[in-house]
Amino acid sequence: MNNSLPKIILIFVIFLLFLSCSSRTTRLAPESTAQKNKPLELMGYTIQVGAFAKVENAVRLTETLKKRDLNATYFKAADGLFKVRFGNFSTKENARLRAQNLKEAHVIQEFYIVKPEDYSVARQKQYGTSYLRDALVKTARDFIGVPYLWGGASSETGFDCSGLTMTVYQLNGLNLPRHSSGQYEAGSPVARSELQKGDLVFFALSGKRKVSHVGIYIGDGKFIHAPSHGKKISVEHLSTPYFAKRFVIGQSYL
């Protein structure tokens, strides 16, 4: 009995180490689809302002609002003009009061309150998940050609990779986290062979399988992303050797 006790303890320790290592390695396994996370929070009431012909003007307003600790982003609307949205309020009245205060301070001019039912996600029950996935892709396509800037929008125009994906999702009513690591943690893993439109695709560009880049899958093996400083948001293929080698996994939020 005494001789067998150390062996039992040793086996138990080895078992614990095995579980620990397994939990660390499967987290970034490229074909792992075991984890299922909670759905993203839905956007509440948002304030929309501006109608700019030049993206630089939308960027300046976005930066001004960010300096006031407001979560702001700009986008290209269906009419071809660049507009700005900011905030995430639980009630329409809270949004209206905040907007009115900013207007009186001459930070913004006329404004429009975007209601939760205005988002594409609110129409998902009526038209199905495919409708929302198509809406995400359409929104992402509207950003093609916008210059990239690491860290997000500033006096130069552009998005970083995770700023782009966050904006695409928020414009459709889903409150996606800001940074690529948070976006990775929020999703449910999808193998490359099972990707659908609107899923996000994650890459380890710096090696060691650490997520450092993200794009939005648009179907047919293609994704839209903000590639690198000095370049513009563009469409790329997962099958290109550079991205195929660095692909980690896809994540779904729908």
Protein backbone atom coordinates (compact mmCIF):
# COMPACT_ATOMS: atom_id res chain seq x y z
CA MET A 1 0.00 0.00 0.00
CA ASN A 2 2.78 2.42 0.94
CA ASN A 3 4.78 1.53 -2.21
CA SER A 4 1.83 2.16 -4.53
CA LEU A 5 0.94 5.57 -3.05
CA PRO A 6 3.80 7.52 -4.74
CA LYS A 7 2.90 5.96 -8.08
CA ILE A 8 -0.74 7.01 -7.71
CA ILE A 9 0.32 10.55 -6.85
CA LEU A 10 2.70 10.64 -9.85
CA ILE A 11 -0.01 9.43 -12.23
CA PHE A 12 -2.42 12.07 -10.87
CA VAL A 13 0.14 14.86 -11.36
CA ILE A 14 0.87 13.74 -14.93
CA PHE A 15 -2.89 13.68 -15.63
CA LEU A 16 -3.26 17.27 -14.37
CA LEU A 17 -0.33 18.43 -16.48
CA PHE A 18 -1.86 16.77 -19.54
CA LEU A 19 -5.17 18.56 -19.01
CA SER A 20 -3.38 21.88 -18.51
CA CYS A 21 -1.30 21.60 -21.69
CA SER A 22 -4.30 20.40 -23.70
CA SER A 23 -6.36 23.40 -22.65
CA ARG A 24 -3.60 25.76 -23.77
CA THR A 25 -2.88 24.16 -27.13
CA THR A 26 -6.43 23.54 -28.34
CA ARG A 27 -7.38 27.17 -27.77
CA LEU A 28 -5.67 28.17 -31.01
CA ALA A 29 -5.95 24.86 -32.87
CA PRO A 30 -6.87 25.70 -36.48
CA GLU A 31 -9.58 23.08 -36.84
CA SER A 32 -11.03 23.21 -33.29
CA THR A 33 -14.78 23.86 -33.19
CA ALA A 34 -15.58 22.58 -29.72
CA GLN A 35 -16.06 25.89 -27.92
CA LYS A 36 -19.42 27.67 -28.16
CA ASN A 37 -19.57 31.17 -26.73
CA LYS A 38 -22.49 33.41 -25.80
CA PRO A 39 -24.09 35.57 -28.52
CA LEU A 40 -22.81 39.12 -28.89
CA GLU A 41 -24.70 41.86 -27.12
CA LEU A 42 -27.03 43.85 -29.35
CA MET A 43 -26.46 47.53 -29.96
CA GLY A 44 -28.87 49.92 -28.25
CA TYR A 45 -29.67 53.46 -29.37
CA THR A 46 -26.90 55.17 -31.34
CA ILE A 47 -26.43 58.77 -32.49
CA GLN A 48 -25.74 59.41 -36.16
CA VAL A 49 -24.35 62.72 -37.41
CA GLY A 50 -22.75 64.26 -40.47
CA ALA A 51 -22.99 63.74 -44.21
CA PHE A 52 -19.54 64.35 -45.65
CA ALA A 53 -18.37 64.06 -49.23
CA LYS A 54 -14.77 63.72 -48.02
CA VAL A 55 -13.83 60.95 -45.63
CA GLU A 56 -11.27 63.24 -43.92
CA ASN A 57 -14.12 65.32 -42.47
CA ALA A 58 -15.80 62.24 -41.03
CA VAL A 59 -12.48 61.16 -39.53
CA ARG A 60 -11.96 64.52 -37.82
CA LEU A 61 -15.40 64.40 -36.25
CA THR A 62 -14.82 60.79 -35.17
CA GLU A 63 -11.59 61.80 -33.42
CA THR A 64 -13.28 64.76 -31.73
CA LEU A 65 -15.96 62.47 -30.30
CA LYS A 66 -13.40 59.89 -29.18
CA LYS A 67 -11.59 62.58 -27.19
CA ARG A 68 -14.85 62.96 -25.26
CA ASP A 69 -14.76 59.24 -24.40
CA LEU A 70 -17.44 58.38 -26.92
CA ASN A 71 -17.19 55.19 -28.94
CA ALA A 72 -17.36 56.70 -32.42
CA THR A 73 -16.85 55.32 -35.92
CA TYR A 74 -17.47 56.49 -39.46
CA PHE A 75 -18.85 54.68 -42.47
CA LYS A 76 -19.87 55.13 -46.09
CA ALA A 77 -23.65 55.26 -46.37
CA ALA A 78 -25.81 54.08 -49.26
CA ASP A 79 -25.93 57.62 -50.67
CA GLY A 80 -22.14 57.65 -51.01
CA LEU A 81 -21.58 60.13 -48.17
CA PHE A 82 -19.49 59.45 -45.07
CA LYS A 83 -21.39 59.58 -41.79
CA VAL A 84 -20.50 59.11 -38.13
CA ARG A 85 -22.17 57.04 -35.42
CA PHE A 86 -21.34 57.06 -31.75
CA GLY A 87 -22.53 55.86 -28.36
CA ASN A 88 -24.56 52.88 -27.25
CA PHE A 89 -27.47 54.01 -25.07
CA SER A 90 -30.07 51.93 -23.28
CA THR A 91 -32.90 54.40 -24.02
CA LYS A 92 -33.76 56.79 -26.82
CA GLU A 93 -34.11 59.64 -24.32
CA ASN A 94 -30.56 59.15 -23.00
CA ALA A 95 -29.24 59.24 -26.55
CA ARG A 96 -31.25 62.35 -27.39
CA LEU A 97 -30.06 64.21 -24.29
CA ARG A 98 -26.41 63.38 -25.00
CA ALA A 99 -26.76 64.48 -28.61
CA GLN A 100 -28.53 67.70 -27.62
CA ASN A 101 -25.73 68.55 -25.17
CA LEU A 102 -23.12 68.02 -27.87
CA LYS A 103 -25.11 70.14 -30.29
CA GLU A 104 -25.35 73.00 -27.79
CA ALA A 105 -21.57 72.71 -27.28
CA HIS A 106 -21.16 73.05 -31.08
CA VAL A 107 -19.48 69.66 -31.34
CA ILE A 108 -22.15 68.28 -33.69
CA GLN A 109 -24.95 69.81 -35.73
CA GLU A 110 -28.11 67.95 -36.71
CA PHE A 111 -28.39 64.38 -35.47
CA TYR A 112 -30.45 61.25 -35.94
CA ILE A 113 -31.14 58.55 -33.36
CA VAL A 114 -30.62 55.03 -34.69
CA LYS A 115 -33.05 52.65 -32.96
CA PRO A 116 -32.30 48.96 -32.23
CA GLU A 117 -35.00 47.93 -34.70
CA ASP A 118 -33.20 49.84 -37.47
CA TYR A 119 -30.29 47.38 -37.53
CA SER A 120 -30.01 44.37 -39.81
CA VAL A 121 -29.81 42.05 -36.81
CA ALA A 122 -33.35 43.09 -35.83
CA ARG A 123 -34.63 41.73 -39.15
CA GLN A 124 -32.85 38.41 -38.75
CA LYS A 125 -35.89 36.68 -37.27
CA GLN A 126 -38.02 37.74 -40.23
CA TYR A 127 -35.56 37.12 -43.06
CA GLY A 128 -33.19 34.54 -41.58
CA THR A 129 -29.51 34.39 -40.68
CA SER A 130 -28.49 34.47 -44.35
CA TYR A 131 -29.98 37.97 -44.58
CA LEU A 132 -27.76 39.18 -41.73
CA ARG A 133 -24.69 37.48 -43.18
CA ASP A 134 -25.29 39.18 -46.55
CA ALA A 135 -25.75 42.52 -44.76
CA LEU A 136 -22.39 42.12 -43.00
CA VAL A 137 -20.66 41.40 -46.29
CA LYS A 138 -22.34 44.36 -48.00
CA THR A 139 -21.22 46.69 -45.21
CA ALA A 140 -17.65 45.37 -45.42
CA ARG A 141 -17.57 45.88 -49.19
CA ASP A 142 -18.46 49.55 -48.70
CA PHE A 143 -15.07 50.05 -47.01
CA ILE A 144 -13.00 48.64 -49.88
CA GLY A 145 -10.49 51.27 -50.97
CA VAL A 146 -10.30 53.14 -47.64
CA PRO A 147 -6.63 53.51 -46.55
CA TYR A 148 -5.28 51.46 -43.65
CA LEU A 149 -3.91 53.13 -40.51
CA TRP A 150 -2.67 51.12 -37.54
CA GLY A 151 -4.55 52.05 -34.37
CA GLY A 152 -7.69 53.22 -36.12
CA ALA A 153 -8.82 56.50 -37.58
CA SER A 154 -6.81 59.69 -37.02
CA SER A 155 -5.90 62.80 -38.99
CA GLU A 156 -5.03 60.36 -41.77
CA THR A 157 -7.94 58.28 -43.01
CA GLY A 158 -8.22 54.61 -42.33
CA PHE A 159 -8.95 51.63 -40.09
CA ASP A 160 -6.86 49.03 -38.40
CA CYS A 161 -7.88 45.42 -38.99
CA SER A 162 -9.99 44.96 -35.86
CA GLY A 163 -11.43 48.48 -36.10
CA LEU A 164 -12.84 47.53 -39.48
CA THR A 165 -14.47 44.30 -38.30
CA MET A 166 -15.86 45.99 -35.18
CA THR A 167 -17.41 48.76 -37.28
CA VAL A 168 -18.96 46.33 -39.76
CA TYR A 169 -20.63 44.39 -36.95
CA GLN A 170 -21.76 47.43 -34.98
CA LEU A 171 -23.33 49.01 -38.07
CA ASN A 172 -25.47 45.88 -38.29
CA GLY A 173 -26.43 45.93 -34.59
CA LEU A 174 -23.89 43.56 -33.02
CA ASN A 175 -21.54 44.94 -30.37
CA LEU A 176 -18.29 43.27 -31.36
CA PRO A 177 -15.25 43.97 -29.10
CA ARG A 178 -12.69 46.49 -30.31
CA HIS A 179 -9.46 44.46 -30.51
CA SER A 180 -8.66 41.27 -32.41
CA SER A 181 -7.90 39.31 -29.21
CA GLY A 182 -11.31 40.22 -27.75
CA GLN A 183 -13.01 39.40 -31.03
CA TYR A 184 -11.31 36.02 -31.06
CA GLU A 185 -12.45 35.25 -27.51
CA ALA A 186 -16.05 36.33 -28.22
CA GLY A 187 -16.67 34.00 -31.15
CA SER A 188 -17.41 30.33 -31.59
CA PRO A 189 -14.67 28.49 -33.55
CA VAL A 190 -15.32 27.53 -37.16
CA ALA A 191 -12.99 25.37 -39.24
CA ARG A 192 -11.83 26.81 -42.55
CA SER A 193 -13.92 24.30 -44.48
CA GLU A 194 -17.07 25.43 -42.62
CA LEU A 195 -16.73 29.22 -42.96
CA GLN A 196 -19.82 31.21 -43.91
CA LYS A 197 -20.32 34.80 -45.03
CA GLY A 198 -19.87 37.24 -42.18
CA ASP A 199 -17.61 34.99 -40.08
CA LEU A 200 -14.31 36.47 -39.01
CA VAL A 201 -11.00 34.88 -40.00
CA PHE A 202 -7.97 35.15 -37.72
CA PHE A 203 -4.28 35.00 -38.56
CA ALA A 204 -0.99 34.79 -36.69
CA LEU A 205 1.17 37.13 -38.75
CA SER A 206 3.95 37.35 -36.18
CA GLY A 207 4.31 33.61 -35.66
CA LYS A 208 3.82 31.40 -32.56
CA ARG A 209 0.12 31.03 -33.43
CA LYS A 210 -0.73 34.24 -31.56
CA VAL A 211 -3.68 36.03 -33.16
CA SER A 212 -2.57 39.37 -34.57
CA HIS A 213 -4.78 39.97 -37.61
CA VAL A 214 -8.46 39.61 -38.52
CA GLY A 215 -10.67 39.95 -41.59
CA ILE A 216 -14.28 39.26 -42.52
CA TYR A 217 -15.11 36.27 -44.70
CA ILE A 218 -17.25 37.08 -47.76
CA GLY A 219 -17.57 33.64 -49.36
CA ASP A 220 -15.77 31.75 -52.15
CA GLY A 221 -12.57 31.57 -50.12
CA LYS A 222 -12.23 35.38 -49.94
CA PHE A 223 -12.10 37.88 -47.09
CA ILE A 224 -11.98 41.65 -46.67
CA HIS A 225 -9.34 43.16 -44.39
CA ALA A 226 -7.19 46.20 -43.66
CA PRO A 227 -3.82 44.78 -44.74
CA SER A 228 -0.99 47.04 -43.52
CA HIS A 229 0.05 50.65 -43.10
CA GLY A 230 0.00 52.58 -46.37
CA LYS A 231 -2.33 50.13 -48.09
CA LYS A 232 -6.09 50.18 -48.60
CA ILE A 233 -8.85 47.88 -47.35
CA SER A 234 -9.09 45.12 -49.92
CA VAL A 235 -10.23 41.62 -50.83
CA GLU A 236 -7.80 38.74 -50.36
CA HIS A 237 -7.89 34.95 -50.84
CA LEU A 238 -7.42 32.48 -48.00
CA SER A 239 -5.64 30.20 -50.45
CA THR A 240 -2.74 32.57 -51.10
CA PRO A 241 0.42 31.04 -49.58
CA TYR A 242 0.99 33.93 -47.18
CA PHE A 243 -2.45 33.74 -45.54
CA ALA A 244 -2.88 29.97 -45.87
CA LYS A 245 0.30 29.47 -43.83
CA ARG A 246 -0.75 31.95 -41.13
CA PHE A 247 -4.45 31.12 -40.87
CA VAL A 248 -5.46 30.19 -37.29
CA ILE A 249 -9.23 29.70 -37.31
CA GLY A 250 -12.55 31.30 -38.15
CA GLN A 251 -15.05 32.56 -35.58
CA SER A 252 -18.82 32.83 -35.89
CA TYR A 253 -21.05 35.20 -33.91
CA LEU A 254 -24.45 34.33 -35.40
